[in-house]
Amino acid sequence: GIFYFDFNTIYKYREVIGDSTIAENREHCSFIWENYYQ
């Protein structure tokens, strides 16, 4: 049988999203997404 899966890399967490903040505003909900990489 076959196992198919994906995963995020260390590179993504360290170099791409790292210590960043993402905010998004929608009509019925909004969010603030804060990342902290260790």
Full PDB file with SEQRES, HELIX, SHEET, SSBOND, CRYST1, ORIGX, SCALE, CONECT and MASTER records, all heavy atoms in Angstrom:
SEQRES   1 A   38  GLY ILE PHE TYR PHE ASP PHE ASN THR ILE TYR LYS TYR          
SEQRES   2 A   38  ARG GLU VAL ILE GLY ASP SER THR ILE ALA GLU ASN ARG          
SEQRES   3 A   38  GLU HIS CYS SER PHE ILE TRP GLU ASN TYR TYR GLN              
HELIX    1 AA1 ILE A   10  TYR A   11  1                                   2    
HELIX    2 AA2 LYS A   12  ILE A   17  3                                   6    
SHEET    1 AA1 2 THR A  21  ASN A  25  0                                        
SHEET    2 AA1 2 SER A  30  GLU A  34 -1                                        
CRYST1    1.000    1.000    1.000  90.00  90.00  90.00 P 1           1          
ORIGX1      1.000000  0.000000  0.000000        0.00000                         
ORIGX2      0.000000  1.000000  0.000000        0.00000                         
ORIGX3      0.000000  0.000000  1.000000        0.00000                         
SCALE1      1.000000  0.000000  0.000000        0.00000                         
SCALE2      0.000000  1.000000  0.000000        0.00000                         
SCALE3      0.000000  0.000000  1.000000        0.00000                         
ATOM      1  N   GLY A   1       0.820  -1.207   0.000  1.00  0.00           N  
ATOM      2  CA  GLY A   1       0.000   0.000   0.000  1.00  0.00           C  
ATOM      3  C   GLY A   1       0.853   1.255   0.000  1.00  0.00           C  
ATOM      4  O   GLY A   1       2.035   1.246   0.354  1.00  0.00           O  
ATOM      5  N   ILE A   2       0.237   2.376  -0.388  1.00  0.00           N  
ATOM      6  CA  ILE A   2       0.971   3.620  -0.600  1.00  0.00           C  
ATOM      7  C   ILE A   2       0.608   4.659   0.462  1.00  0.00           C  
ATOM      8  O   ILE A   2      -0.571   4.836   0.801  1.00  0.00           O  
ATOM      9  CB  ILE A   2       0.683   4.183  -2.015  1.00  0.00           C  
ATOM     10  CG1 ILE A   2       1.264   3.248  -3.080  1.00  0.00           C  
ATOM     11  CG2 ILE A   2       1.243   5.596  -2.177  1.00  0.00           C  
ATOM     12  CD1 ILE A   2       2.773   3.091  -3.023  1.00  0.00           C  
ATOM     13  N   PHE A   3       1.624   5.339   0.948  1.00  0.00           N  
ATOM     14  CA  PHE A   3       1.475   6.451   1.879  1.00  0.00           C  
ATOM     15  C   PHE A   3       1.930   7.719   1.168  1.00  0.00           C  
ATOM     16  O   PHE A   3       3.088   7.819   0.748  1.00  0.00           O  
ATOM     17  CB  PHE A   3       2.320   6.197   3.128  1.00  0.00           C  
ATOM     18  CG  PHE A   3       2.249   7.269   4.185  1.00  0.00           C  
ATOM     19  CD1 PHE A   3       1.082   8.006   4.403  1.00  0.00           C  
ATOM     20  CD2 PHE A   3       3.348   7.530   4.996  1.00  0.00           C  
ATOM     21  CE1 PHE A   3       1.021   8.975   5.406  1.00  0.00           C  
ATOM     22  CE2 PHE A   3       3.296   8.493   5.999  1.00  0.00           C  
ATOM     23  CZ  PHE A   3       2.138   9.216   6.191  1.00  0.00           C  
ATOM     24  N   TYR A   4       1.017   8.678   1.021  1.00  0.00           N  
ATOM     25  CA  TYR A   4       1.326   9.951   0.369  1.00  0.00           C  
ATOM     26  C   TYR A   4       1.072  11.066   1.377  1.00  0.00           C  
ATOM     27  O   TYR A   4      -0.029  11.177   1.922  1.00  0.00           O  
ATOM     28  CB  TYR A   4       0.446  10.151  -0.866  1.00  0.00           C  
ATOM     29  CG  TYR A   4       0.626  11.491  -1.545  1.00  0.00           C  
ATOM     30  CD1 TYR A   4       1.514  11.648  -2.596  1.00  0.00           C  
ATOM     31  CD2 TYR A   4      -0.088  12.612  -1.126  1.00  0.00           C  
ATOM     32  CE1 TYR A   4       1.695  12.881  -3.223  1.00  0.00           C  
ATOM     33  CE2 TYR A   4       0.080  13.845  -1.738  1.00  0.00           C  
ATOM     34  CZ  TYR A   4       0.968  13.965  -2.767  1.00  0.00           C  
ATOM     35  OH  TYR A   4       1.145  15.200  -3.379  1.00  0.00           O  
ATOM     36  N   PHE A   5       2.079  11.891   1.636  1.00  0.00           N  
ATOM     37  CA  PHE A   5       1.895  12.980   2.594  1.00  0.00           C  
ATOM     38  C   PHE A   5       2.803  14.140   2.246  1.00  0.00           C  
ATOM     39  O   PHE A   5       3.741  14.024   1.445  1.00  0.00           O  
ATOM     40  CB  PHE A   5       2.178  12.493   4.019  1.00  0.00           C  
ATOM     41  CG  PHE A   5       3.608  12.113   4.299  1.00  0.00           C  
ATOM     42  CD1 PHE A   5       4.469  12.977   4.958  1.00  0.00           C  
ATOM     43  CD2 PHE A   5       4.101  10.867   3.910  1.00  0.00           C  
ATOM     44  CE1 PHE A   5       5.781  12.626   5.223  1.00  0.00           C  
ATOM     45  CE2 PHE A   5       5.412  10.497   4.177  1.00  0.00           C  
ATOM     46  CZ  PHE A   5       6.260  11.383   4.829  1.00  0.00           C  
ATOM     47  N   ASP A   6       2.504  15.294   2.823  1.00  0.00           N  
ATOM     48  CA  ASP A   6       3.369  16.455   2.645  1.00  0.00           C  
ATOM     49  C   ASP A   6       3.798  16.984   4.007  1.00  0.00           C  
ATOM     50  O   ASP A   6       3.200  16.666   5.035  1.00  0.00           O  
ATOM     51  CB  ASP A   6       2.695  17.536   1.793  1.00  0.00           C  
ATOM     52  CG  ASP A   6       1.476  18.175   2.455  1.00  0.00           C  
ATOM     53  OD1 ASP A   6       1.411  18.232   3.696  1.00  0.00           O  
ATOM     54  OD2 ASP A   6       0.584  18.653   1.731  1.00  0.00           O  
ATOM     55  N   PHE A   7       4.840  17.792   3.993  1.00  0.00           N  
ATOM     56  CA  PHE A   7       5.292  18.431   5.226  1.00  0.00           C  
ATOM     57  C   PHE A   7       5.996  19.742   4.903  1.00  0.00           C  
ATOM     58  O   PHE A   7       6.568  19.905   3.824  1.00  0.00           O  
ATOM     59  CB  PHE A   7       6.222  17.502   6.037  1.00  0.00           C  
ATOM     60  CG  PHE A   7       7.564  17.238   5.401  1.00  0.00           C  
ATOM     61  CD1 PHE A   7       8.683  17.987   5.755  1.00  0.00           C  
ATOM     62  CD2 PHE A   7       7.727  16.224   4.468  1.00  0.00           C  
ATOM     63  CE1 PHE A   7       9.916  17.749   5.184  1.00  0.00           C  
ATOM     64  CE2 PHE A   7       8.962  15.965   3.888  1.00  0.00           C  
ATOM     65  CZ  PHE A   7      10.064  16.735   4.245  1.00  0.00           C  
ATOM     66  N   ASN A   8       5.924  20.665   5.847  1.00  0.00           N  
ATOM     67  CA  ASN A   8       6.652  21.921   5.746  1.00  0.00           C  
ATOM     68  C   ASN A   8       8.088  21.713   6.192  1.00  0.00           C  
ATOM     69  O   ASN A   8       8.361  20.980   7.142  1.00  0.00           O  
ATOM     70  CB  ASN A   8       6.004  23.002   6.621  1.00  0.00           C  
ATOM     71  CG  ASN A   8       4.731  23.553   6.013  1.00  0.00           C  
ATOM     72  OD1 ASN A   8       4.524  23.496   4.807  1.00  0.00           O  
ATOM     73  ND2 ASN A   8       3.874  24.099   6.861  1.00  0.00           N  
ATOM     74  N   THR A   9       9.001  22.390   5.515  1.00  0.00           N  
ATOM     75  CA  THR A   9      10.424  22.203   5.774  1.00  0.00           C  
ATOM     76  C   THR A   9      10.940  23.188   6.823  1.00  0.00           C  
ATOM     77  O   THR A   9      10.318  24.213   7.109  1.00  0.00           O  
ATOM     78  CB  THR A   9      11.231  22.401   4.489  1.00  0.00           C  
ATOM     79  OG1 THR A   9      11.035  23.748   4.026  1.00  0.00           O  
ATOM     80  CG2 THR A   9      10.787  21.425   3.397  1.00  0.00           C  
ATOM     81  N   ILE A  10      12.103  22.870   7.355  1.00  0.00           N  
ATOM     82  CA  ILE A  10      12.798  23.798   8.245  1.00  0.00           C  
ATOM     83  C   ILE A  10      13.038  25.117   7.521  1.00  0.00           C  
ATOM     84  O   ILE A  10      12.881  26.204   8.106  1.00  0.00           O  
ATOM     85  CB  ILE A  10      14.129  23.185   8.721  1.00  0.00           C  
ATOM     86  CG1 ILE A  10      13.867  21.937   9.572  1.00  0.00           C  
ATOM     87  CG2 ILE A  10      14.963  24.207   9.492  1.00  0.00           C  
ATOM     88  CD1 ILE A  10      15.115  21.135   9.888  1.00  0.00           C  
ATOM     89  N   TYR A  11      13.412  25.041   6.248  1.00  0.00           N  
ATOM     90  CA  TYR A  11      13.658  26.256   5.462  1.00  0.00           C  
ATOM     91  C   TYR A  11      12.441  27.177   5.478  1.00  0.00           C  
ATOM     92  O   TYR A  11      12.578  28.397   5.645  1.00  0.00           O  
ATOM     93  CB  TYR A  11      14.008  25.881   4.017  1.00  0.00           C  
ATOM     94  CG  TYR A  11      14.126  27.081   3.100  1.00  0.00           C  
ATOM     95  CD1 TYR A  11      15.309  27.790   3.004  1.00  0.00           C  
ATOM     96  CD2 TYR A  11      13.030  27.506   2.348  1.00  0.00           C  
ATOM     97  CE1 TYR A  11      15.411  28.908   2.178  1.00  0.00           C  
ATOM     98  CE2 TYR A  11      13.118  28.619   1.529  1.00  0.00           C  
ATOM     99  CZ  TYR A  11      14.316  29.319   1.447  1.00  0.00           C  
ATOM    100  OH  TYR A  11      14.394  30.424   0.629  1.00  0.00           O  
ATOM    101  N   LYS A  12      11.248  26.625   5.315  1.00  0.00           N  
ATOM    102  CA  LYS A  12      10.045  27.460   5.285  1.00  0.00           C  
ATOM    103  C   LYS A  12       9.851  28.188   6.607  1.00  0.00           C  
ATOM    104  O   LYS A  12       9.592  29.393   6.635  1.00  0.00           O  
ATOM    105  CB  LYS A  12       8.814  26.610   4.975  1.00  0.00           C  
ATOM    106  CG  LYS A  12       7.516  27.418   4.976  1.00  0.00           C  
ATOM    107  CD  LYS A  12       6.331  26.583   4.555  1.00  0.00           C  
ATOM    108  CE  LYS A  12       5.055  27.421   4.531  1.00  0.00           C  
ATOM    109  NZ  LYS A  12       3.904  26.654   4.049  1.00  0.00           N  
ATOM    110  N   TYR A  13       9.954  27.454   7.698  1.00  0.00           N  
ATOM    111  CA  TYR A  13       9.733  28.083   8.998  1.00  0.00           C  
ATOM    112  C   TYR A  13      10.820  29.105   9.313  1.00  0.00           C  
ATOM    113  O   TYR A  13      10.542  30.179   9.841  1.00  0.00           O  
ATOM    114  CB  TYR A  13       9.686  27.013  10.099  1.00  0.00           C  
ATOM    115  CG  TYR A  13       8.470  26.130  10.034  1.00  0.00           C  
ATOM    116  CD1 TYR A  13       8.594  24.755   9.926  1.00  0.00           C  
ATOM    117  CD2 TYR A  13       7.193  26.669  10.079  1.00  0.00           C  
ATOM    118  CE1 TYR A  13       7.477  23.928   9.870  1.00  0.00           C  
ATOM    119  CE2 TYR A  13       6.072  25.863  10.019  1.00  0.00           C  
ATOM    120  CZ  TYR A  13       6.213  24.492   9.909  1.00  0.00           C  
ATOM    121  OH  TYR A  13       5.103  23.678   9.846  1.00  0.00           O  
ATOM    122  N   ARG A  14      12.064  28.787   8.999  1.00  0.00           N  
ATOM    123  CA  ARG A  14      13.172  29.661   9.354  1.00  0.00           C  
ATOM    124  C   ARG A  14      13.267  30.875   8.436  1.00  0.00           C  
ATOM    125  O   ARG A  14      13.433  32.008   8.906  1.00  0.00           O  
ATOM    126  CB  ARG A  14      14.482  28.877   9.314  1.00  0.00           C  
ATOM    127  CG  ARG A  14      15.715  29.720   9.624  1.00  0.00           C  
ATOM    128  CD  ARG A  14      16.974  28.981   9.224  1.00  0.00           C  
ATOM    129  NE  ARG A  14      17.240  27.844  10.090  1.00  0.00           N  
ATOM    130  CZ  ARG A  14      17.798  26.693   9.675  1.00  0.00           C  
ATOM    131  NH1 ARG A  14      18.094  26.535   8.399  1.00  0.00           N  
ATOM    132  NH2 ARG A  14      18.025  25.721  10.530  1.00  0.00           N  
ATOM    133  N   GLU A  15      13.165  30.652   7.129  1.00  0.00           N  
ATOM    134  CA  GLU A  15      13.481  31.709   6.162  1.00  0.00           C  
ATOM    135  C   GLU A  15      12.268  32.408   5.558  1.00  0.00           C  
ATOM    136  O   GLU A  15      12.382  33.552   5.101  1.00  0.00           O  
ATOM    137  CB  GLU A  15      14.328  31.118   5.016  1.00  0.00           C  
ATOM    138  CG  GLU A  15      15.588  30.398   5.460  1.00  0.00           C  
ATOM    139  CD  GLU A  15      16.602  31.337   6.088  1.00  0.00           C  
ATOM    140  OE1 GLU A  15      16.527  32.553   5.838  1.00  0.00           O  
ATOM    141  OE2 GLU A  15      17.467  30.845   6.840  1.00  0.00           O  
ATOM    142  N   VAL A  16      11.131  31.745   5.534  1.00  0.00           N  
ATOM    143  CA  VAL A  16       9.987  32.313   4.806  1.00  0.00           C  
ATOM    144  C   VAL A  16       8.968  32.953   5.751  1.00  0.00           C  
ATOM    145  O   VAL A  16       8.609  34.125   5.586  1.00  0.00           O  
ATOM    146  CB  VAL A  16       9.306  31.239   3.929  1.00  0.00           C  
ATOM    147  CG1 VAL A  16       8.125  31.839   3.173  1.00  0.00           C  
ATOM    148  CG2 VAL A  16      10.309  30.634   2.962  1.00  0.00           C  
ATOM    149  N   ILE A  17       8.497  32.193   6.727  1.00  0.00           N  
ATOM    150  CA  ILE A  17       7.498  32.787   7.624  1.00  0.00           C  
ATOM    151  C   ILE A  17       8.105  33.250   8.937  1.00  0.00           C  
ATOM    152  O   ILE A  17       7.678  34.256   9.500  1.00  0.00           O  
ATOM    153  CB  ILE A  17       6.303  31.842   7.869  1.00  0.00           C  
ATOM    154  CG1 ILE A  17       6.757  30.505   8.441  1.00  0.00           C  
ATOM    155  CG2 ILE A  17       5.524  31.625   6.596  1.00  0.00           C  
ATOM    156  CD1 ILE A  17       5.587  29.582   8.738  1.00  0.00           C  
ATOM    157  N   GLY A  18       9.149  32.546   9.411  1.00  0.00           N  
ATOM    158  CA  GLY A  18       9.940  32.998  10.545  1.00  0.00           C  
ATOM    159  C   GLY A  18       9.185  33.770  11.600  1.00  0.00           C  
ATOM    160  O   GLY A  18       8.079  33.411  11.993  1.00  0.00           O  
ATOM    161  N   ASP A  19       9.779  34.850  12.062  1.00  0.00           N  
ATOM    162  CA  ASP A  19       9.133  35.714  13.049  1.00  0.00           C  
ATOM    163  C   ASP A  19       8.373  36.810  12.317  1.00  0.00           C  
ATOM    164  O   ASP A  19       8.842  37.939  12.174  1.00  0.00           O  
ATOM    165  CB  ASP A  19      10.180  36.318  14.002  1.00  0.00           C  
ATOM    166  CG  ASP A  19      10.839  35.256  14.859  1.00  0.00           C  
ATOM    167  OD1 ASP A  19      10.132  34.334  15.286  1.00  0.00           O  
ATOM    168  OD2 ASP A  19      12.057  35.352  15.091  1.00  0.00           O  
ATOM    169  N   SER A  20       7.199  36.463  11.843  1.00  0.00           N  
ATOM    170  CA  SER A  20       6.407  37.404  11.040  1.00  0.00           C  
ATOM    171  C   SER A  20       4.972  37.442  11.537  1.00  0.00           C  
ATOM    172  O   SER A  20       4.527  36.567  12.280  1.00  0.00           O  
ATOM    173  CB  SER A  20       6.431  36.998   9.561  1.00  0.00           C  
ATOM    174  OG  SER A  20       5.819  35.727   9.387  1.00  0.00           O  
ATOM    175  N   THR A  21       4.278  38.474  11.118  1.00  0.00           N  
ATOM    176  CA  THR A  21       2.870  38.634  11.467  1.00  0.00           C  
ATOM    177  C   THR A  21       2.049  38.788  10.190  1.00  0.00           C  
ATOM    178  O   THR A  21       2.410  39.556   9.293  1.00  0.00           O  
ATOM    179  CB  THR A  21       2.648  39.867  12.363  1.00  0.00           C  
ATOM    180  OG1 THR A  21       3.401  39.696  13.564  1.00  0.00           O  
ATOM    181  CG2 THR A  21       1.184  40.051  12.701  1.00  0.00           C  
ATOM    182  N   ILE A  22       0.964  38.037  10.119  1.00  0.00           N  
ATOM    183  CA  ILE A  22       0.051  38.095   8.968  1.00  0.00           C  
ATOM    184  C   ILE A  22      -1.308  38.519   9.485  1.00  0.00           C  
ATOM    185  O   ILE A  22      -1.810  37.973  10.469  1.00  0.00           O  
ATOM    186  CB  ILE A  22      -0.059  36.716   8.284  1.00  0.00           C  
ATOM    187  CG1 ILE A  22       1.325  36.194   7.873  1.00  0.00           C  
ATOM    188  CG2 ILE A  22      -0.991  36.785   7.074  1.00  0.00           C  
ATOM    189  CD1 ILE A  22       1.336  34.729   7.489  1.00  0.00           C  
ATOM    190  N   ALA A  23      -1.899  39.498   8.835  1.00  0.00           N  
ATOM    191  CA  ALA A  23      -3.244  39.938   9.207  1.00  0.00           C  
ATOM    192  C   ALA A  23      -4.127  39.942   7.972  1.00  0.00           C  
ATOM    193  O   ALA A  23      -3.688  40.301   6.874  1.00  0.00           O  
ATOM    194  CB  ALA A  23      -3.206  41.332   9.824  1.00  0.00           C  
ATOM    195  N   GLU A  24      -5.366  39.501   8.144  1.00  0.00           N  
ATOM    196  CA  GLU A  24      -6.290  39.445   7.012  1.00  0.00           C  
ATOM    197  C   GLU A  24      -7.683  39.825   7.482  1.00  0.00           C  
ATOM    198  O   GLU A  24      -8.135  39.399   8.544  1.00  0.00           O  
ATOM    199  CB  GLU A  24      -6.291  38.031   6.418  1.00  0.00           C  
ATOM    200  CG  GLU A  24      -6.952  37.960   5.057  1.00  0.00           C  
ATOM    201  CD  GLU A  24      -6.632  36.654   4.341  1.00  0.00           C  
ATOM    202  OE1 GLU A  24      -5.485  36.176   4.414  1.00  0.00           O  
ATOM    203  OE2 GLU A  24      -7.560  36.122   3.703  1.00  0.00           O  
ATOM    204  N   ASN A  25      -8.340  40.639   6.691  1.00  0.00           N  
ATOM    205  CA  ASN A  25      -9.669  41.146   7.045  1.00  0.00           C  
ATOM    206  C   ASN A  25     -10.690  40.631   6.039  1.00  0.00           C  
ATOM    207  O   ASN A  25     -10.551  40.841   4.844  1.00  0.00           O  
ATOM    208  CB  ASN A  25      -9.654  42.678   7.055  1.00  0.00           C  
ATOM    209  CG  ASN A  25     -10.944  43.253   7.593  1.00  0.00           C  
ATOM    210  OD1 ASN A  25     -11.582  42.653   8.447  1.00  0.00           O  
ATOM    211  ND2 ASN A  25     -11.338  44.419   7.095  1.00  0.00           N  
ATOM    212  N   ARG A  26     -11.695  39.923   6.534  1.00  0.00           N  
ATOM    213  CA  ARG A  26     -12.786  39.441   5.696  1.00  0.00           C  
ATOM    214  C   ARG A  26     -14.082  40.117   6.145  1.00  0.00           C  
ATOM    215  O   ARG A  26     -14.122  40.795   7.173  1.00  0.00           O  
ATOM    216  CB  ARG A  26     -12.928  37.914   5.819  1.00  0.00           C  
ATOM    217  CG  ARG A  26     -11.654  37.140   5.485  1.00  0.00           C  
ATOM    218  CD  ARG A  26     -11.316  37.166   4.014  1.00  0.00           C  
ATOM    219  NE  ARG A  26     -10.120  36.374   3.722  1.00  0.00           N  
ATOM    220  CZ  ARG A  26     -10.136  35.104   3.353  1.00  0.00           C  
ATOM    221  NH1 ARG A  26     -11.282  34.453   3.267  1.00  0.00           N  
ATOM    222  NH2 ARG A  26      -9.007  34.466   3.094  1.00  0.00           N  
ATOM    223  N   GLU A  27     -15.139  39.889   5.397  1.00  0.00           N  
ATOM    224  CA  GLU A  27     -16.401  40.568   5.708  1.00  0.00           C  
ATOM    225  C   GLU A  27     -16.955  40.150   7.064  1.00  0.00           C  
ATOM    226  O   GLU A  27     -17.442  40.982   7.830  1.00  0.00           O  
ATOM    227  CB  GLU A  27     -17.429  40.272   4.609  1.00  0.00           C  
ATOM    228  CG  GLU A  27     -18.755  41.004   4.822  1.00  0.00           C  
ATOM    229  CD  GLU A  27     -19.749  40.761   3.694  1.00  0.00           C  
ATOM    230  OE1 GLU A  27     -19.399  40.053   2.713  1.00  0.00           O  
ATOM    231  OE2 GLU A  27     -20.879  41.258   3.802  1.00  0.00           O  
ATOM    232  N   HIS A  28     -16.892  38.865   7.359  1.00  0.00           N  
ATOM    233  CA  HIS A  28     -17.512  38.365   8.589  1.00  0.00           C  
ATOM    234  C   HIS A  28     -16.510  37.893   9.636  1.00  0.00           C  
ATOM    235  O   HIS A  28     -16.905  37.489  10.719  1.00  0.00           O  
ATOM    236  CB  HIS A  28     -18.494  37.238   8.255  1.00  0.00           C  
ATOM    237  CG  HIS A  28     -19.611  37.676   7.359  1.00  0.00           C  
ATOM    238  ND1 HIS A  28     -20.586  38.548   7.761  1.00  0.00           N  
ATOM    239  CD2 HIS A  28     -19.874  37.366   6.052  1.00  0.00           C  
ATOM    240  CE1 HIS A  28     -21.437  38.756   6.762  1.00  0.00           C  
ATOM    241  NE2 HIS A  28     -21.023  38.055   5.712  1.00  0.00           N  
ATOM    242  N   CYS A  29     -15.236  37.912   9.315  1.00  0.00           N  
ATOM    243  CA  CYS A  29     -14.222  37.551  10.306  1.00  0.00           C  
ATOM    244  C   CYS A  29     -12.859  38.065   9.845  1.00  0.00           C  
ATOM    245  O   CYS A  29     -12.612  38.234   8.651  1.00  0.00           O  
ATOM    246  CB  CYS A  29     -14.181  36.046  10.545  1.00  0.00           C  
ATOM    247  SG  CYS A  29     -13.936  35.042   9.069  1.00  0.00           S  
ATOM    248  N   SER A  30     -12.004  38.284  10.805  1.00  0.00           N  
ATOM    249  CA  SER A  30     -10.643  38.749  10.545  1.00  0.00           C  
ATOM    250  C   SER A  30      -9.700  37.989  11.475  1.00  0.00           C  
ATOM    251  O   SER A  30     -10.132  37.415  12.480  1.00  0.00           O  
ATOM    252  CB  SER A  30     -10.523  40.252  10.801  1.00  0.00           C  
ATOM    253  OG  SER A  30     -11.481  40.975  10.054  1.00  0.00           O  
ATOM    254  N   PHE A  31      -8.411  38.003  11.131  1.00  0.00           N  
ATOM    255  CA  PHE A  31      -7.466  37.335  12.018  1.00  0.00           C  
ATOM    256  C   PHE A  31      -6.116  38.025  12.009  1.00  0.00           C  
ATOM    257  O   PHE A  31      -5.756  38.717  11.045  1.00  0.00           O  
ATOM    258  CB  PHE A  31      -7.311  35.850  11.654  1.00  0.00           C  
ATOM    259  CG  PHE A  31      -6.491  35.594  10.407  1.00  0.00           C  
ATOM    260  CD1 PHE A  31      -5.114  35.461  10.477  1.00  0.00           C  
ATOM    261  CD2 PHE A  31      -7.112  35.456   9.169  1.00  0.00           C  
ATOM    262  CE1 PHE A  31      -4.361  35.216   9.335  1.00  0.00           C  
ATOM    263  CE2 PHE A  31      -6.365  35.207   8.026  1.00  0.00           C  
ATOM    264  CZ  PHE A  31      -4.982  35.082   8.112  1.00  0.00           C  
ATOM    265  N   ILE A  32      -5.391  37.827  13.080  1.00  0.00           N  
ATOM    266  CA  ILE A  32      -3.986  38.220  13.193  1.00  0.00           C  
ATOM    267  C   ILE A  32      -3.211  36.953  13.509  1.00  0.00           C  
ATOM    268  O   ILE A  32      -3.504  36.256  14.483  1.00  0.00           O  
ATOM    269  CB  ILE A  32      -3.769  39.260  14.306  1.00  0.00           C  
ATOM    270  CG1 ILE A  32      -4.626  40.509  14.048  1.00  0.00           C  
ATOM    271  CG2 ILE A  32      -2.289  39.645  14.400  1.00  0.00           C  
ATOM    272  CD1 ILE A  32      -4.659  41.463  15.214  1.00  0.00           C  
ATOM    273  N   TRP A  33      -2.254  36.628  12.654  1.00  0.00           N  
ATOM    274  CA  TRP A  33      -1.510  35.372  12.740  1.00  0.00           C  
ATOM    275  C   TRP A  33      -0.053  35.724  13.020  1.00  0.00           C  
ATOM    276  O   TRP A  33       0.639  36.246  12.149  1.00  0.00           O  
ATOM    277  CB  TRP A  33      -1.645  34.628  11.421  1.00  0.00           C  
ATOM    278  CG  TRP A  33      -1.134  33.222  11.375  1.00  0.00           C  
ATOM    279  CD1 TRP A  33       0.144  32.800  11.590  1.00  0.00           C  
ATOM    280  CD2 TRP A  33      -1.902  32.048  11.086  1.00  0.00           C  
ATOM    281  NE1 TRP A  33       0.240  31.437  11.442  1.00  0.00           N  
ATOM    282  CE2 TRP A  33      -1.011  30.950  11.138  1.00  0.00           C  
ATOM    283  CE3 TRP A  33      -3.241  31.819  10.779  1.00  0.00           C  
ATOM    284  CZ2 TRP A  33      -1.421  29.642  10.887  1.00  0.00           C  
ATOM    285  CZ3 TRP A  33      -3.647  30.518  10.539  1.00  0.00           C  
ATOM    286  CH2 TRP A  33      -2.753  29.443  10.594  1.00  0.00           C  
ATOM    287  N   GLU A  34       0.424  35.432  14.225  1.00  0.00           N  
ATOM    288  CA  GLU A  34       1.787  35.785  14.628  1.00  0.00           C  
ATOM    289  C   GLU A  34       2.636  34.522  14.727  1.00  0.00           C  
ATOM    290  O   GLU A  34       2.266  33.566  15.418  1.00  0.00           O  
ATOM    291  CB  GLU A  34       1.770  36.506  15.974  1.00  0.00           C  
ATOM    292  CG  GLU A  34       0.996  37.827  15.932  1.00  0.00           C  
ATOM    293  CD  GLU A  34       0.823  38.435  17.308  1.00  0.00           C  
ATOM    294  OE1 GLU A  34      -0.063  37.942  18.039  1.00  0.00           O  
ATOM    295  OE2 GLU A  34       1.569  39.371  17.644  1.00  0.00           O  
ATOM    296  N   ASN A  35       3.772  34.524  14.027  1.00  0.00           N  
ATOM    297  CA  ASN A  35       4.685  33.377  14.013  1.00  0.00           C  
ATOM    298  C   ASN A  35       5.912  33.668  14.865  1.00  0.00           C  
ATOM    299  O   ASN A  35       6.454  34.780  14.818  1.00  0.00           O  
ATOM    300  CB  ASN A  35       5.166  33.084  12.582  1.00  0.00           C  
ATOM    301  CG  ASN A  35       4.059  32.639  11.672  1.00  0.00           C  
ATOM    302  OD1 ASN A  35       3.521  31.556  11.818  1.00  0.00           O  
ATOM    303  ND2 ASN A  35       3.704  33.477  10.719  1.00  0.00           N  
ATOM    304  N   TYR A  36       6.346  32.659  15.591  1.00  0.00           N  
ATOM    305  CA  TYR A  36       7.580  32.754  16.361  1.00  0.00           C  
ATOM    306  C   TYR A  36       8.368  31.468  16.138  1.00  0.00           C  
ATOM    307  O   TYR A  36       7.943  30.394  16.570  1.00  0.00           O  
ATOM    308  CB  TYR A  36       7.286  32.928  17.857  1.00  0.00           C  
ATOM    309  CG  TYR A  36       6.391  34.099  18.173  1.00  0.00           C  
ATOM    310  CD1 TYR A  36       5.021  33.904  18.341  1.00  0.00           C  
ATOM    311  CD2 TYR A  36       6.904  35.385  18.302  1.00  0.00           C  
ATOM    312  CE1 TYR A  36       4.188  34.977  18.632  1.00  0.00           C  
ATOM    313  CE2 TYR A  36       6.080  36.465  18.586  1.00  0.00           C  
ATOM    314  CZ  TYR A  36       4.724  36.258  18.754  1.00  0.00           C  
ATOM    315  OH  TYR A  36       3.903  37.308  19.028  1.00  0.00           O  
ATOM    316  N   TYR A  37       9.511  31.589  15.459  1.00  0.00           N  
ATOM    317  CA  TYR A  37      10.307  30.403  15.151  1.00  0.00           C  
ATOM    318  C   TYR A  37      11.414  30.225  16.174  1.00  0.00           C  
ATOM    319  O   TYR A  37      12.133  31.173  16.509  1.00  0.00           O  
ATOM    320  CB  TYR A  37      10.907  30.515  13.749  1.00  0.00           C  
ATOM    321  CG  TYR A  37      11.813  29.358  13.396  1.00  0.00           C  
ATOM    322  CD1 TYR A  37      11.284  28.084  13.195  1.00  0.00           C  
ATOM    323  CD2 TYR A  37      13.187  29.530  13.290  1.00  0.00           C  
ATOM    324  CE1 TYR A  37      12.100  27.010  12.886  1.00  0.00           C  
ATOM    325  CE2 TYR A  37      14.016  28.456  12.977  1.00  0.00           C  
ATOM    326  CZ  TYR A  37      13.471  27.206  12.778  1.00  0.00           C  
ATOM    327  OH  TYR A  37      14.275  26.136  12.484  1.00  0.00           O  
ATOM    328  N   GLN A  38      11.548  29.009  16.668  1.00  0.00           N  
ATOM    329  CA  GLN A  38      12.603  28.660  17.615  1.00  0.00           C  
ATOM    330  C   GLN A  38      13.562  27.693  16.926  1.00  0.00           C  
ATOM    331  O   GLN A  38      13.159  26.582  16.557  1.00  0.00           O  
ATOM    332  CB  GLN A  38      12.012  27.995  18.858  1.00  0.00           C  
ATOM    333  CG  GLN A  38      10.922  28.804  19.540  1.00  0.00           C  
ATOM    334  CD  GLN A  38      10.117  27.947  20.501  1.00  0.00           C  
ATOM    335  OE1 GLN A  38      10.625  27.007  21.095  1.00  0.00           O  
ATOM    336  NE2 GLN A  38       8.834  28.284  20.656  1.00  0.00           N  
TER     337      GLN A  38                                                      
MASTER        0    0    0    2    2    0    0    6  336    1    0    3          
END                                                                             
